[in-house]
């Protein structure tokens, strides 16, 4: 893994990297909606499925972004749900919150599809309705306080193994990795972020969770990640 990497975990599954002090571009406001949409639903379905190996993603439900939110584009039968996250999966106030280039393919298992994904889908509806970030933040805090945004279910995890993703301007597609969502705990309880540890953890999200990242050696198509890093 590259040195001098600052990592911020996102409660919805994306990842932001600032590598070697790279300076992110400025995205002060939402771009025209067309810049966030895929050319065709088929393109987005294919990109969403690339998050996980075909043995998982071929039987997963797929949601694609439309003008008013995510819509069901392909039924599933194994409990997994694959989508392509946009930049508003970032924490509120993040410099790339409105980056129209971000495409983060991710496949949630059934537990995370029930307990983690709905928060991102709700935020997407707010974004497309023109709700300002400060209001979205206030609504999120209220939903956490009321229990409408719960801690993750036991066993919640996701795949992010697409070599075609674009997570941010500094890190590109980063490394293929798995993510595990647990109710908020100190990352050190998983041995995360320690020198030589393969586990990266973050408990700084507004949501009541801690996210752990474990990088893997292959992309979802089976090719070696070392060839690209």
C-alpha atoms as a PDB file:
ATOM      1  CA  UNK A   1       0.000   0.000   0.000  1.00  0.00           C
ATOM      2  CA  UNK A   2       1.301   3.442  -0.849  1.00  0.00           C
ATOM      3  CA  UNK A   3       2.806   5.581   1.867  1.00  0.00           C
ATOM      4  CA  UNK A   4       1.456   8.917   3.047  1.00  0.00           C
ATOM      5  CA  UNK A   5      -2.158   7.967   2.453  1.00  0.00           C
ATOM      6  CA  UNK A   6      -4.903   9.638   4.427  1.00  0.00           C
ATOM      7  CA  UNK A   7      -8.044   7.536   4.440  1.00  0.00           C
ATOM      8  CA  UNK A   8     -11.557   8.559   5.316  1.00  0.00           C
ATOM      9  CA  UNK A   9     -14.145   5.800   5.485  1.00  0.00           C
ATOM     10  CA  UNK A  10     -17.651   6.593   4.381  1.00  0.00           C
ATOM     11  CA  UNK A  11     -20.642   5.147   6.142  1.00  0.00           C
ATOM     12  CA  UNK A  12     -22.210   4.180   2.825  1.00  0.00           C
ATOM     13  CA  UNK A  13     -19.249   2.275   1.512  1.00  0.00           C
ATOM     14  CA  UNK A  14     -17.151   4.545  -0.656  1.00  0.00           C
ATOM     15  CA  UNK A  15     -13.589   5.542   0.089  1.00  0.00           C
ATOM     16  CA  UNK A  16     -11.713   8.814  -0.174  1.00  0.00           C
ATOM     17  CA  UNK A  17      -7.944   8.940  -0.478  1.00  0.00           C
ATOM     18  CA  UNK A  18      -5.571  11.860  -0.399  1.00  0.00           C
ATOM     19  CA  UNK A  19      -2.307  10.433  -1.709  1.00  0.00           C
ATOM     20  CA  UNK A  20       0.994  12.184  -1.128  1.00  0.00           C
ATOM     21  CA  UNK A  21      -0.687  15.505  -0.467  1.00  0.00           C
ATOM     22  CA  UNK A  22      -2.509  15.561  -3.825  1.00  0.00           C
ATOM     23  CA  UNK A  23      -4.855  18.538  -4.033  1.00  0.00           C
ATOM     24  CA  UNK A  24      -8.464  17.787  -4.916  1.00  0.00           C
ATOM     25  CA  UNK A  25     -10.335  19.910  -7.402  1.00  0.00           C
ATOM     26  CA  UNK A  26     -13.045  22.215  -6.117  1.00  0.00           C
ATOM     27  CA  UNK A  27     -16.674  21.176  -6.483  1.00  0.00           C
ATOM     28  CA  UNK A  28     -18.629  23.945  -4.729  1.00  0.00           C
ATOM     29  CA  UNK A  29     -22.063  22.953  -5.996  1.00  0.00           C
ATOM     30  CA  UNK A  30     -23.952  20.169  -7.685  1.00  0.00           C
ATOM     31  CA  UNK A  31     -23.264  19.838 -11.398  1.00  0.00           C
ATOM     32  CA  UNK A  32     -26.116  19.367 -13.895  1.00  0.00           C
ATOM     33  CA  UNK A  33     -27.841  16.047 -13.222  1.00  0.00           C
ATOM     34  CA  UNK A  34     -26.862  14.647 -16.615  1.00  0.00           C
ATOM     35  CA  UNK A  35     -23.214  14.576 -15.519  1.00  0.00           C
ATOM     36  CA  UNK A  36     -24.040  12.106 -12.736  1.00  0.00           C
ATOM     37  CA  UNK A  37     -26.102   9.766 -14.889  1.00  0.00           C
ATOM     38  CA  UNK A  38     -24.757   6.861 -16.925  1.00  0.00           C
ATOM     39  CA  UNK A  39     -25.080   6.845 -20.694  1.00  0.00           C
ATOM     40  CA  UNK A  40     -27.504   3.916 -20.541  1.00  0.00           C
ATOM     41  CA  UNK A  41     -29.028   1.731 -17.821  1.00  0.00           C
ATOM     42  CA  UNK A  42     -27.119  -1.214 -19.295  1.00  0.00           C
ATOM     43  CA  UNK A  43     -23.829   0.618 -18.734  1.00  0.00           C
ATOM     44  CA  UNK A  44     -24.696   1.246 -15.101  1.00  0.00           C
ATOM     45  CA  UNK A  45     -25.857  -2.327 -14.537  1.00  0.00           C
ATOM     46  CA  UNK A  46     -22.570  -3.655 -15.884  1.00  0.00           C
ATOM     47  CA  UNK A  47     -20.542  -1.253 -13.753  1.00  0.00           C
ATOM     48  CA  UNK A  48     -22.556  -2.086 -10.636  1.00  0.00           C
ATOM     49  CA  UNK A  49     -22.064  -5.828 -11.159  1.00  0.00           C
ATOM     50  CA  UNK A  50     -18.305  -5.295 -11.554  1.00  0.00           C
ATOM     51  CA  UNK A  51     -18.107  -4.593  -7.812  1.00  0.00           C
ATOM     52  CA  UNK A  52     -18.120  -8.300  -6.971  1.00  0.00           C
ATOM     53  CA  UNK A  53     -17.086 -11.562  -8.624  1.00  0.00           C
ATOM     54  CA  UNK A  54     -19.672 -12.867 -11.118  1.00  0.00           C
ATOM     55  CA  UNK A  55     -20.477 -15.740  -8.758  1.00  0.00           C
ATOM     56  CA  UNK A  56     -21.963 -13.095  -6.459  1.00  0.00           C
ATOM     57  CA  UNK A  57     -23.020 -10.237  -8.717  1.00  0.00           C
ATOM     58  CA  UNK A  58     -24.718 -12.228 -11.489  1.00  0.00           C
ATOM     59  CA  UNK A  59     -27.567 -13.131  -9.136  1.00  0.00           C
ATOM     60  CA  UNK A  60     -27.669  -9.799  -7.306  1.00  0.00           C
ATOM     61  CA  UNK A  61     -30.394  -7.198  -7.552  1.00  0.00           C
ATOM     62  CA  UNK A  62     -29.166  -4.063  -9.340  1.00  0.00           C
ATOM     63  CA  UNK A  63     -30.337  -0.508  -8.753  1.00  0.00           C
ATOM     64  CA  UNK A  64     -29.487   2.319 -11.154  1.00  0.00           C
ATOM     65  CA  UNK A  65     -29.615   6.077 -10.622  1.00  0.00           C
ATOM     66  CA  UNK A  66     -32.512   7.903 -12.237  1.00  0.00           C
ATOM     67  CA  UNK A  67     -33.844  11.443 -12.114  1.00  0.00           C
ATOM     68  CA  UNK A  68     -35.577  10.948  -8.758  1.00  0.00           C
ATOM     69  CA  UNK A  69     -33.462   8.287  -7.077  1.00  0.00           C
ATOM     70  CA  UNK A  70     -32.314   4.725  -7.512  1.00  0.00           C
ATOM     71  CA  UNK A  71     -34.602   2.391  -9.418  1.00  0.00           C
ATOM     72  CA  UNK A  72     -34.702  -1.385  -9.680  1.00  0.00           C
ATOM     73  CA  UNK A  73     -33.095  -2.353 -12.980  1.00  0.00           C
ATOM     74  CA  UNK A  74     -32.527  -6.086 -12.498  1.00  0.00           C
ATOM     75  CA  UNK A  75     -34.078  -8.511 -10.021  1.00  0.00           C
ATOM     76  CA  UNK A  76     -31.896 -10.602  -7.753  1.00  0.00           C
ATOM     77  CA  UNK A  77     -32.117 -13.951  -6.004  1.00  0.00           C
ATOM     78  CA  UNK A  78     -29.147 -14.166  -3.633  1.00  0.00           C
ATOM     79  CA  UNK A  79     -29.853 -11.219  -1.308  1.00  0.00           C
ATOM     80  CA  UNK A  80     -27.044  -9.015  -2.646  1.00  0.00           C
ATOM     81  CA  UNK A  81     -27.753  -5.552  -4.033  1.00  0.00           C
ATOM     82  CA  UNK A  82     -25.281  -3.889  -6.410  1.00  0.00           C
ATOM     83  CA  UNK A  83     -25.260  -0.172  -7.151  1.00  0.00           C
ATOM     84  CA  UNK A  84     -22.894   2.570  -8.305  1.00  0.00           C
ATOM     85  CA  UNK A  85     -22.527   5.217  -5.617  1.00  0.00           C
ATOM     86  CA  UNK A  86     -22.057   8.887  -6.485  1.00  0.00           C
ATOM     87  CA  UNK A  87     -19.961  11.513  -4.724  1.00  0.00           C
ATOM     88  CA  UNK A  88     -22.651  12.472  -2.224  1.00  0.00           C
ATOM     89  CA  UNK A  89     -21.812   9.213  -0.437  1.00  0.00           C
ATOM     90  CA  UNK A  90     -18.974  11.305   1.016  1.00  0.00           C
ATOM     91  CA  UNK A  91     -19.255  12.913   4.419  1.00  0.00           C
ATOM     92  CA  UNK A  92     -21.040  16.255   4.434  1.00  0.00           C
ATOM     93  CA  UNK A  93     -18.612  19.086   3.702  1.00  0.00           C
ATOM     94  CA  UNK A  94     -16.138  16.858   1.865  1.00  0.00           C
ATOM     95  CA  UNK A  95     -14.373  18.690  -0.977  1.00  0.00           C
ATOM     96  CA  UNK A  96     -15.561  16.091  -3.507  1.00  0.00           C
ATOM     97  CA  UNK A  97     -19.176  15.829  -2.312  1.00  0.00           C
ATOM     98  CA  UNK A  98     -20.334  17.088  -5.728  1.00  0.00           C
ATOM     99  CA  UNK A  99     -17.631  15.516  -7.919  1.00  0.00           C
ATOM    100  CA  UNK A 100     -19.604  14.354 -11.007  1.00  0.00           C
ATOM    101  CA  UNK A 101     -16.831  11.943 -12.041  1.00  0.00           C
ATOM    102  CA  UNK A 102     -17.125   9.681  -9.017  1.00  0.00           C
ATOM    103  CA  UNK A 103     -18.467   6.200  -9.712  1.00  0.00           C
ATOM    104  CA  UNK A 104     -18.111   3.679  -6.889  1.00  0.00           C
ATOM    105  CA  UNK A 105     -19.427   0.208  -7.749  1.00  0.00           C
ATOM    106  CA  UNK A 106     -20.442  -1.638  -4.595  1.00  0.00           C
ATOM    107  CA  UNK A 107     -22.315  -4.866  -3.828  1.00  0.00           C
ATOM    108  CA  UNK A 108     -24.030  -5.040  -0.441  1.00  0.00           C
ATOM    109  CA  UNK A 109     -24.909  -8.366   1.141  1.00  0.00           C
ATOM    110  CA  UNK A 110     -28.422  -8.817   2.523  1.00  0.00           C
ATOM    111  CA  UNK A 111     -27.566  -7.518   6.005  1.00  0.00           C
ATOM    112  CA  UNK A 112     -25.959  -4.311   4.740  1.00  0.00           C
ATOM    113  CA  UNK A 113     -28.634  -3.854   2.058  1.00  0.00           C
ATOM    114  CA  UNK A 114     -31.205  -3.746   4.857  1.00  0.00           C
ATOM    115  CA  UNK A 115     -29.320  -1.687   7.427  1.00  0.00           C
ATOM    116  CA  UNK A 116     -26.718   0.465   5.601  1.00  0.00           C
ATOM    117  CA  UNK A 117     -27.854   1.039   2.018  1.00  0.00           C
ATOM    118  CA  UNK A 118     -31.232   2.711   2.855  1.00  0.00           C
ATOM    119  CA  UNK A 119     -29.461   5.732   4.361  1.00  0.00           C
ATOM    120  CA  UNK A 120     -27.588   6.377   1.108  1.00  0.00           C
ATOM    121  CA  UNK A 121     -30.755   5.887  -0.951  1.00  0.00           C
ATOM    122  CA  UNK A 122     -32.597   8.414   1.226  1.00  0.00           C
ATOM    123  CA  UNK A 123     -29.734  10.904   0.896  1.00  0.00           C
ATOM    124  CA  UNK A 124     -29.853  10.474  -2.881  1.00  0.00           C
ATOM    125  CA  UNK A 125     -33.532  11.401  -2.889  1.00  0.00           C
ATOM    126  CA  UNK A 126     -32.705  14.547  -0.928  1.00  0.00           C
ATOM    127  CA  UNK A 127     -29.881  15.434  -3.311  1.00  0.00           C
ATOM    128  CA  UNK A 128     -32.086  15.079  -6.368  1.00  0.00           C
ATOM    129  CA  UNK A 129     -34.812  17.130  -4.685  1.00  0.00           C
ATOM    130  CA  UNK A 130     -32.351  19.993  -4.177  1.00  0.00           C
ATOM    131  CA  UNK A 131     -32.060  19.797  -0.378  1.00  0.00           C
ATOM    132  CA  UNK A 132     -28.990  21.804   0.818  1.00  0.00           C
ATOM    133  CA  UNK A 133     -26.169  19.951   2.570  1.00  0.00           C
ATOM    134  CA  UNK A 134     -26.789  21.610   5.939  1.00  0.00           C
ATOM    135  CA  UNK A 135     -30.417  20.528   5.833  1.00  0.00           C
ATOM    136  CA  UNK A 136     -29.437  16.981   4.833  1.00  0.00           C
ATOM    137  CA  UNK A 137     -27.068  16.903   7.791  1.00  0.00           C
ATOM    138  CA  UNK A 138     -29.809  18.068  10.150  1.00  0.00           C
ATOM    139  CA  UNK A 139     -32.232  15.468   8.798  1.00  0.00           C
ATOM    140  CA  UNK A 140     -29.618  12.732   9.152  1.00  0.00           C
ATOM    141  CA  UNK A 141     -28.945  13.653  12.780  1.00  0.00           C
ATOM    142  CA  UNK A 142     -32.680  13.619  13.491  1.00  0.00           C
ATOM    143  CA  UNK A 143     -33.076  10.183  11.900  1.00  0.00           C
ATOM    144  CA  UNK A 144     -30.183   8.833  13.956  1.00  0.00           C
ATOM    145  CA  UNK A 145     -31.715  10.244  17.137  1.00  0.00           C
ATOM    146  CA  UNK A 146     -35.098   8.709  16.333  1.00  0.00           C
ATOM    147  CA  UNK A 147     -33.634   5.320  15.443  1.00  0.00           C
ATOM    148  CA  UNK A 148     -34.633   5.573  11.782  1.00  0.00           C
ATOM    149  CA  UNK A 149     -30.946   5.141  10.922  1.00  0.00           C
ATOM    150  CA  UNK A 150     -29.899   2.063  12.911  1.00  0.00           C
ATOM    151  CA  UNK A 151     -26.575   0.450  13.620  1.00  0.00           C
ATOM    152  CA  UNK A 152     -25.584  -2.147  11.004  1.00  0.00           C
ATOM    153  CA  UNK A 153     -26.989  -5.642  11.267  1.00  0.00           C
ATOM    154  CA  UNK A 154     -24.700  -8.476  12.284  1.00  0.00           C
ATOM    155  CA  UNK A 155     -22.723  -9.726   9.288  1.00  0.00           C
ATOM    156  CA  UNK A 156     -23.134  -6.554   7.209  1.00  0.00           C
ATOM    157  CA  UNK A 157     -20.464  -6.314   4.504  1.00  0.00           C
ATOM    158  CA  UNK A 158     -19.894  -5.385   0.885  1.00  0.00           C
ATOM    159  CA  UNK A 159     -17.618  -5.984  -2.096  1.00  0.00           C
ATOM    160  CA  UNK A 160     -15.704  -3.188  -3.830  1.00  0.00           C
ATOM    161  CA  UNK A 161     -13.519  -5.028  -6.334  1.00  0.00           C
ATOM    162  CA  UNK A 162     -14.193  -3.121  -9.547  1.00  0.00           C
ATOM    163  CA  UNK A 163     -11.216  -2.021 -11.610  1.00  0.00           C
ATOM    164  CA  UNK A 164     -13.569   0.367 -13.456  1.00  0.00           C
ATOM    165  CA  UNK A 165     -14.576   2.476 -10.481  1.00  0.00           C
ATOM    166  CA  UNK A 166     -13.506   6.076  -9.860  1.00  0.00           C
ATOM    167  CA  UNK A 167     -13.571   6.823  -6.149  1.00  0.00           C
ATOM    168  CA  UNK A 168     -12.082  10.315  -6.232  1.00  0.00           C
ATOM    169  CA  UNK A 169      -9.606  12.528  -8.033  1.00  0.00           C
ATOM    170  CA  UNK A 170      -6.633  11.490  -5.896  1.00  0.00           C
ATOM    171  CA  UNK A 171      -7.070   7.735  -5.629  1.00  0.00           C
ATOM    172  CA  UNK A 172      -8.864   6.722  -8.831  1.00  0.00           C
ATOM    173  CA  UNK A 173     -10.095   3.177  -8.326  1.00  0.00           C
ATOM    174  CA  UNK A 174      -7.706   2.574  -5.378  1.00  0.00           C
ATOM    175  CA  UNK A 175      -7.355  -1.125  -4.403  1.00  0.00           C
ATOM    176  CA  UNK A 176      -9.945  -3.921  -4.574  1.00  0.00           C
ATOM    177  CA  UNK A 177     -11.272  -4.429  -1.082  1.00  0.00           C
ATOM    178  CA  UNK A 178     -13.986  -5.797   1.149  1.00  0.00           C
ATOM    179  CA  UNK A 179     -15.794  -3.662   3.698  1.00  0.00           C
ATOM    180  CA  UNK A 180     -17.347  -4.726   6.980  1.00  0.00           C
ATOM    181  CA  UNK A 181     -19.896  -2.644   8.903  1.00  0.00           C
ATOM    182  CA  UNK A 182     -20.300  -3.035  12.655  1.00  0.00           C
ATOM    183  CA  UNK A 183     -21.936  -0.988  15.418  1.00  0.00           C
ATOM    184  CA  UNK A 184     -19.505   1.717  16.477  1.00  0.00           C
ATOM    185  CA  UNK A 185     -16.393   0.360  18.182  1.00  0.00           C
ATOM    186  CA  UNK A 186     -12.779   1.463  18.383  1.00  0.00           C
ATOM    187  CA  UNK A 187     -10.891   0.316  15.249  1.00  0.00           C
ATOM    188  CA  UNK A 188      -8.120  -1.003  17.495  1.00  0.00           C
ATOM    189  CA  UNK A 189     -10.467  -3.782  18.608  1.00  0.00           C
ATOM    190  CA  UNK A 190      -9.979  -5.268  15.145  1.00  0.00           C
ATOM    191  CA  UNK A 191      -6.274  -4.504  15.111  1.00  0.00           C
ATOM    192  CA  UNK A 192      -6.980  -1.866  12.503  1.00  0.00           C
ATOM    193  CA  UNK A 193      -4.624   0.960  11.554  1.00  0.00           C
ATOM    194  CA  UNK A 194      -1.719  -0.616  13.445  1.00  0.00           C
ATOM    195  CA  UNK A 195       1.711  -0.795  11.763  1.00  0.00           C
ATOM    196  CA  UNK A 196       1.769  -3.816   9.459  1.00  0.00           C
ATOM    197  CA  UNK A 197      -1.941  -4.557   9.921  1.00  0.00           C
ATOM    198  CA  UNK A 198      -3.895  -5.358   6.730  1.00  0.00           C
ATOM    199  CA  UNK A 199      -7.050  -3.930   8.306  1.00  0.00           C
ATOM    200  CA  UNK A 200      -8.068  -0.269   7.945  1.00  0.00           C
ATOM    201  CA  UNK A 201     -10.781   1.031  10.211  1.00  0.00           C
ATOM    202  CA  UNK A 202     -12.742   4.254  10.575  1.00  0.00           C
ATOM    203  CA  UNK A 203     -15.292   5.195  13.231  1.00  0.00           C
ATOM    204  CA  UNK A 204     -15.624   8.866  12.305  1.00  0.00           C
ATOM    205  CA  UNK A 205     -18.822   8.705  10.281  1.00  0.00           C
ATOM    206  CA  UNK A 206     -21.915  10.521  11.498  1.00  0.00           C
ATOM    207  CA  UNK A 207     -23.795   7.217  11.220  1.00  0.00           C
ATOM    208  CA  UNK A 208     -23.683   4.838  14.229  1.00  0.00           C
ATOM    209  CA  UNK A 209     -21.119   2.468  12.775  1.00  0.00           C
ATOM    210  CA  UNK A 210     -17.470   1.616  12.275  1.00  0.00           C
ATOM    211  CA  UNK A 211     -16.271   0.569   8.823  1.00  0.00           C
ATOM    212  CA  UNK A 212     -13.377  -1.825   8.295  1.00  0.00           C
ATOM    213  CA  UNK A 213     -11.542  -2.218   4.979  1.00  0.00           C
ATOM    214  CA  UNK A 214      -9.509  -5.257   3.991  1.00  0.00           C
ATOM    215  CA  UNK A 215      -7.712  -5.041   0.654  1.00  0.00           C
ATOM    216  CA  UNK A 216      -7.585  -8.139  -1.532  1.00  0.00           C
ATOM    217  CA  UNK A 217      -5.221  -9.212  -4.301  1.00  0.00           C
ATOM    218  CA  UNK A 218      -7.627  -9.551  -7.202  1.00  0.00           C
ATOM    219  CA  UNK A 219     -10.205  -7.509  -9.042  1.00  0.00           C
ATOM    220  CA  UNK A 220     -13.677  -8.927  -9.493  1.00  0.00           C
ATOM    221  CA  UNK A 221     -12.757 -10.329 -12.928  1.00  0.00           C
ATOM    222  CA  UNK A 222     -10.017 -12.440 -11.329  1.00  0.00           C
ATOM    223  CA  UNK A 223      -7.082 -10.405 -12.622  1.00  0.00           C
ATOM    224  CA  UNK A 224      -4.250  -9.476 -10.272  1.00  0.00           C
ATOM    225  CA  UNK A 225      -4.461  -6.097  -8.600  1.00  0.00           C
ATOM    226  CA  UNK A 226      -0.676  -5.936  -8.509  1.00  0.00           C
ATOM    227  CA  UNK A 227      -0.597  -5.399 -12.273  1.00  0.00           C
ATOM    228  CA  UNK A 228      -2.287  -2.006 -11.792  1.00  0.00           C
ATOM    229  CA  UNK A 229      -0.554  -0.950  -8.560  1.00  0.00           C
END
